[in-house]
Protein backbone atom coordinates (compact mmCIF):
# COMPACT_ATOMS: atom_id res chain seq x y z
CA MET A 1 42.14 117.52 -1.38
CA PHE A 2 43.97 118.07 -4.92
CA LYS A 3 43.14 115.71 -7.37
CA ASN A 4 44.67 115.22 -10.60
CA TRP A 5 41.56 114.51 -12.83
CA LYS A 6 43.60 114.68 -15.78
CA ASN A 7 45.39 111.33 -15.02
CA ILE A 8 42.25 109.94 -13.70
CA VAL A 9 40.11 111.13 -16.76
CA ALA A 10 42.65 109.35 -19.00
CA VAL A 11 42.48 106.41 -17.35
CA PHE A 12 38.71 106.70 -17.13
CA ILE A 13 39.16 107.10 -21.22
CA LEU A 14 41.43 104.01 -21.42
CA VAL A 15 39.06 102.13 -19.69
CA SER A 16 35.74 102.43 -21.45
CA SER A 17 37.78 102.09 -24.78
CA VAL A 18 38.90 98.58 -23.33
CA VAL A 19 35.28 97.74 -22.55
CA VAL A 20 34.34 98.74 -26.11
CA SER A 21 37.01 96.76 -27.26
CA VAL A 22 36.06 93.31 -25.50
CA LEU A 23 32.23 93.93 -26.77
CA ILE A 24 33.44 94.58 -30.39
CA ILE A 25 35.52 91.06 -30.36
CA LYS A 26 32.52 89.11 -28.23
CA THR A 27 30.46 90.54 -31.30
CA LYS A 28 29.67 88.70 -34.63
CA PRO A 29 32.14 90.41 -37.52
CA GLN A 30 30.20 92.81 -39.62
CA GLU A 31 31.19 94.90 -42.65
CA ALA A 32 34.00 97.15 -41.72
CA GLY A 33 32.59 100.90 -41.61
CA PRO A 34 34.71 103.73 -40.50
CA GLY A 35 36.66 103.15 -37.52
CA ILE A 36 38.22 105.59 -34.95
CA HIS A 37 41.80 105.49 -35.28
CA ILE A 38 43.84 106.14 -31.67
CA PRO A 39 47.44 107.15 -32.32
CA GLY A 40 49.97 104.24 -32.11
CA GLU A 41 47.23 101.28 -32.19
CA SER A 42 47.24 98.92 -34.68
CA ASN A 43 44.89 98.80 -38.10
CA GLU A 44 42.77 95.75 -36.24
CA THR A 45 42.48 97.55 -32.73
CA ALA A 46 42.35 100.89 -34.17
CA LYS A 47 38.66 100.57 -35.08
CA LEU A 48 37.26 100.70 -31.59
CA PHE A 49 33.88 102.30 -32.72
CA PRO A 50 32.60 100.55 -36.26
CA SER A 51 29.37 102.04 -37.42
CA LYS A 52 26.51 99.67 -37.13
CA ASN A 53 24.11 102.43 -38.66
CA GLN A 54 22.32 100.82 -42.29
CA GLY A 55 20.67 102.35 -45.03
CA LYS A 56 20.80 106.14 -45.66
CA ASP A 57 23.11 106.76 -42.55
CA GLY A 58 24.86 103.43 -43.19
CA ASP A 59 28.71 104.94 -43.72
CA ARG A 60 28.07 107.91 -41.72
CA LEU A 61 28.98 107.93 -37.77
CA ILE A 62 27.21 109.88 -35.71
CA LEU A 63 29.36 111.74 -33.35
CA THR A 64 27.32 113.58 -30.42
CA ASP A 65 25.20 116.58 -30.14
CA ILE A 66 28.02 118.88 -29.50
CA ASP A 67 26.37 122.58 -28.91
CA LYS A 68 27.26 124.14 -32.00
CA GLU A 69 25.37 127.44 -31.12
CA ASN A 70 28.02 128.34 -28.60
CA ASP A 71 31.02 127.59 -30.61
CA GLY A 72 30.90 123.72 -29.58
CA GLU A 73 31.23 124.33 -25.87
CA ILE A 74 30.02 122.06 -23.66
CA ASN A 75 27.16 122.92 -21.26
CA THR A 76 26.61 120.36 -18.48
CA ASP A 77 27.06 118.97 -15.12
CA ASN A 78 27.18 115.54 -16.13
CA LEU A 79 30.87 114.54 -15.62
CA THR A 80 30.46 111.69 -17.87
CA ASP A 81 28.86 113.72 -20.36
CA ILE A 82 31.68 116.28 -20.29
CA ILE A 83 34.67 113.59 -20.43
CA ALA A 84 32.47 111.72 -23.88
CA GLN A 85 31.76 115.27 -25.57
CA SER A 86 35.01 116.48 -25.16
CA TYR A 87 36.61 113.42 -26.63
CA VAL A 88 34.21 113.35 -29.62
CA LYS A 89 34.84 117.23 -30.06
CA LYS A 90 38.89 116.41 -30.33
CA ILE A 91 37.48 113.91 -32.93
CA ILE A 92 35.54 116.40 -34.75
CA GLU A 93 38.37 118.79 -34.81
CA MET A 94 41.02 116.31 -35.60
CA ASN A 95 38.53 115.25 -39.00
CA PRO A 96 37.38 118.54 -40.33
CA GLY A 97 35.66 116.64 -43.52
CA ALA A 98 33.54 113.83 -41.42
CA PRO A 99 31.14 112.50 -42.12
CA GLU A 100 30.77 113.24 -45.55
CA GLU A 101 34.58 112.56 -46.54
CA ILE A 102 35.10 109.75 -44.06
CA GLY A 103 34.34 106.80 -46.90
CA GLU A 104 36.65 104.13 -45.92
CA LYS A 105 39.14 106.10 -44.27
CA LYS A 106 40.04 105.29 -40.37
CA ILE A 107 38.83 108.60 -38.24
CA LYS A 108 42.06 110.04 -36.25
CA ALA A 109 41.02 110.44 -32.57
CA PRO A 110 43.38 111.24 -29.65
CA SER A 111 45.04 109.36 -27.41
CA PRO A 112 43.77 109.45 -23.92
CA ASP A 113 47.00 110.82 -22.09
CA SER A 114 46.23 114.19 -23.98
CA PHE A 115 42.95 115.40 -22.16
CA GLN A 116 44.69 118.21 -20.22
CA VAL A 117 41.29 120.68 -21.14
CA SER A 118 38.82 117.62 -20.38
CA GLY A 119 40.54 116.96 -17.14
CA GLU A 120 40.89 120.70 -15.93
CA LEU A 121 37.02 121.24 -17.23
CA VAL A 122 36.23 118.07 -15.26
CA ALA A 123 38.09 119.36 -12.10
CA GLN A 124 36.25 122.45 -11.84
CA LYS A 125 32.53 120.76 -12.52
CA ILE A 126 33.94 118.49 -9.67
CA GLU A 127 34.88 121.77 -7.61
CA GLN A 128 31.61 123.32 -8.49
CA ILE A 129 29.31 120.76 -7.48
CA PHE A 130 31.07 118.85 -4.21
CA GLU A 131 33.10 121.56 -2.85
CA THR A 132 31.35 124.73 -2.33
CA ASN A 133 30.23 126.35 0.74
CA TYR A 134 26.30 126.08 -0.14
CA PHE A 135 25.10 128.14 3.01
CA SER A 136 26.86 131.40 4.55
CA GLU A 137 25.41 133.41 7.10
CA LYS A 138 23.37 135.54 4.96
CA ASP A 139 20.96 131.99 4.94
CA ILE A 140 20.61 131.96 9.09
CA MET A 141 18.87 133.57 11.71
CA LEU A 142 21.57 135.41 13.88
CA SER A 143 20.95 136.43 17.77
CA ASN A 144 23.48 138.31 19.93
CA ASN A 145 22.46 136.82 22.54
CA ASN A 146 25.29 134.14 23.65
CA SER A 147 23.91 133.51 27.48
CA ILE A 148 24.32 129.88 28.79
CA GLU A 149 20.39 129.48 29.09
CA THR A 150 20.34 130.68 24.91
CA GLN A 151 22.96 128.42 24.06
CA LEU A 152 21.69 125.58 25.66
CA ARG A 153 18.01 126.00 24.44
CA TYR A 154 19.94 126.20 21.04
CA ILE A 155 21.88 122.65 21.71
CA ASN A 156 18.58 121.27 23.02
CA GLU A 157 16.74 122.25 19.44
CA ILE A 158 19.47 121.03 16.96
CA GLY A 159 18.56 117.59 19.07
CA VAL A 160 15.00 117.46 19.03
CA ILE A 161 15.38 118.05 15.16
CA SER A 162 17.72 114.87 14.80
CA GLU A 163 15.39 113.01 16.62
CA LYS A 164 12.12 113.92 14.62
CA ASN A 165 14.31 113.32 10.88
CA PHE A 166 16.05 110.18 12.32
CA LYS A 167 13.04 108.71 13.87
CA GLY A 168 12.47 105.49 12.75
CA PHE A 169 15.85 105.19 11.06
CA ASP A 170 18.71 103.64 12.78
CA LYS A 171 21.39 102.76 10.06
CA SER A 172 24.80 104.79 9.64
CA ILE A 173 26.26 106.16 6.37
CA THR A 174 28.75 103.14 6.70
CA GLU A 175 25.51 100.94 6.81
CA ILE A 176 23.85 102.39 3.78
CA THR A 177 26.68 102.47 1.62
CA ASP A 178 27.59 99.24 1.77
CA ASN A 179 24.04 97.71 1.35
CA TRP A 180 24.13 99.88 -2.04
CA ILE A 181 27.47 98.82 -2.77
CA ASP A 182 27.05 95.09 -1.94
CA TYR A 183 23.04 94.30 -2.55
CA GLN A 184 22.36 97.34 -4.86
CA ASP A 185 19.61 98.46 -2.24
CA ALA A 186 19.34 102.19 -2.76
CA SER A 187 16.59 102.35 -0.26
CA GLY A 188 18.72 103.39 2.58
CA ILE A 189 20.61 106.33 0.73
CA ARG A 190 17.43 107.50 -0.45
CA SER A 191 15.75 107.77 3.15
CA TYR A 192 19.22 109.68 4.26
CA ILE A 193 18.72 112.01 1.08
CA ALA A 194 15.08 112.84 2.60
CA ILE A 195 16.57 113.29 6.11
CA ALA A 196 19.50 115.48 4.66
CA SER A 197 17.16 117.87 3.24
CA ALA A 198 14.55 118.13 6.47
CA GLN A 199 17.91 118.61 8.13
CA MET A 200 18.59 122.00 6.19
CA ASP A 201 15.02 123.31 6.44
CA ASP A 202 14.65 122.83 10.10
CA LEU A 203 18.19 123.66 10.93
CA LEU A 204 17.27 127.02 8.66
CA SER A 205 14.47 127.98 10.77
CA ILE A 206 15.85 128.37 14.04
CA GLU A 207 17.62 131.41 15.46
CA ILE A 208 21.25 131.02 16.70
CA PRO A 209 23.48 132.43 19.23
CA LEU A 210 26.51 134.57 17.72
CA ILE A 211 29.00 132.62 19.05
CA TRP A 212 27.99 129.04 17.28
CA LYS A 213 27.54 130.72 14.04
CA PRO A 214 30.77 128.72 12.46
CA PHE A 215 29.36 125.70 14.10
CA HIS A 216 25.97 126.05 12.12
CA ILE A 217 27.08 126.75 8.95
CA GLN A 218 29.56 124.12 8.59
CA ASN A 219 26.72 121.85 9.94
CA LEU A 220 24.29 123.11 7.42
CA ASN A 221 26.88 122.88 4.68
CA LEU A 222 28.29 119.21 5.50
CA TRP A 223 24.53 117.96 5.29
CA LYS A 224 24.07 119.52 2.02
CA LYS A 225 27.58 117.68 0.70
CA LYS A 226 25.78 114.54 2.15
CA GLU A 227 22.85 115.12 0.23
CA VAL A 228 24.63 115.91 -3.07
CA VAL A 229 26.85 113.22 -2.38
CA PHE A 230 24.02 110.43 -1.82
CA LYS A 231 22.21 112.07 -4.82
CA ALA A 232 25.52 111.73 -7.25
CA MET A 233 26.14 108.02 -5.66
CA ILE A 234 22.79 106.54 -6.81
CA ASP A 235 22.61 108.12 -10.24
CA ILE A 236 25.44 105.46 -11.34
CA ASN A 237 23.44 104.79 -14.39
CA ASN A 238 23.31 108.70 -15.68
CA ASP A 239 26.74 109.77 -14.76
CA PRO A 240 29.40 106.61 -13.66
CA PHE A 241 32.18 109.34 -13.47
CA LYS A 242 30.23 111.44 -10.86
CA THR A 243 29.44 108.35 -9.06
CA MET A 244 33.27 107.42 -8.66
CA VAL A 245 34.08 111.13 -7.32
CA ALA A 246 31.08 111.12 -5.13
CA MET A 247 32.66 107.54 -3.54
CA GLU A 248 35.75 108.98 -3.17
CA LYS A 249 34.50 111.95 -1.36
CA MET A 250 32.97 109.82 1.50
CA PRO A 251 35.91 109.14 4.03
CA ASP A 252 36.20 112.93 3.83
CA ILE A 253 32.43 113.32 5.12
CA LEU A 254 32.81 110.72 7.34
CA GLU A 255 35.87 112.32 8.80
CA GLU A 256 34.30 115.89 9.00
CA THR A 257 30.88 114.53 10.53
CA ALA A 258 33.24 112.65 13.20
CA ASN A 259 35.01 115.97 13.69
CA LEU A 260 31.91 118.36 14.00
CA GLN A 261 30.70 115.88 16.50
CA LEU A 262 33.59 116.07 18.76
CA VAL A 263 33.50 120.05 18.50
CA LEU A 264 29.64 119.93 19.73
CA ASN A 265 30.51 117.47 22.59
CA ARG A 266 33.25 119.31 23.63
CA LYS A 267 30.81 122.78 23.69
CA ILE A 268 28.61 120.94 25.58
CA ILE A 269 31.00 120.13 28.29
CA ASP A 270 32.78 123.54 28.52
CA LEU A 271 28.70 124.28 28.88
CA ALA A 272 28.14 122.37 31.79
CA SER A 273 31.37 123.24 33.55
CA ASP A 274 29.97 127.15 33.21
CA LEU A 275 26.81 126.25 35.36
């Protein structure tokens, strides 16, 4: 499903700027330091980020730690950092003399709707993190024996695996997600992450009839998606933008889980009719 991450990044930056503005409004006035100038904004609202540093760095604005050794390349999987660093990188490009030559000048900064590059970079990272097929045929043990007995043994094995790993855990994905959203209780999600990891380990250890290869690979990749998405969701303090993306992925995961269960049910019915 295609998303216009350029627009989403712009909204994220705009909302972040509004939050910072509110914090500044609620803070006691301080001596005017260099501020960030947003094109089209008034002089009052342009100073979104006044310098709070005093002493020897009193007039200096410490922007961020951009990777200077790689010509300013942003190299991280933290989506929030990518947005923040690309914003700061543009500020640096628009203010080549900063911070030494800032003085009392306003710092020029790009408007949020000009973030095509960071939007594209974020989209690439999202695809790498959330939409990669983690497992393939080379990762699994295949058997050319497609007999009914072999297939029934396989179905029994995946049932035993799930029963073992879910023992004592009776909550649905919706329930553990709601508990985290409504009550900030991430215990269910953490348990589910551990279950997902165990499921993948066990599913990689069994032999799969060749006819079940597509199902097994999809099942493994679905468990990995669940692990990745849930880890991103509860990492909200470190990477809030990735958490937002992860929550958008949840409906797709629920739909794929239901569809894969239907596939399994049909296959079982077909096998039963052949007995």
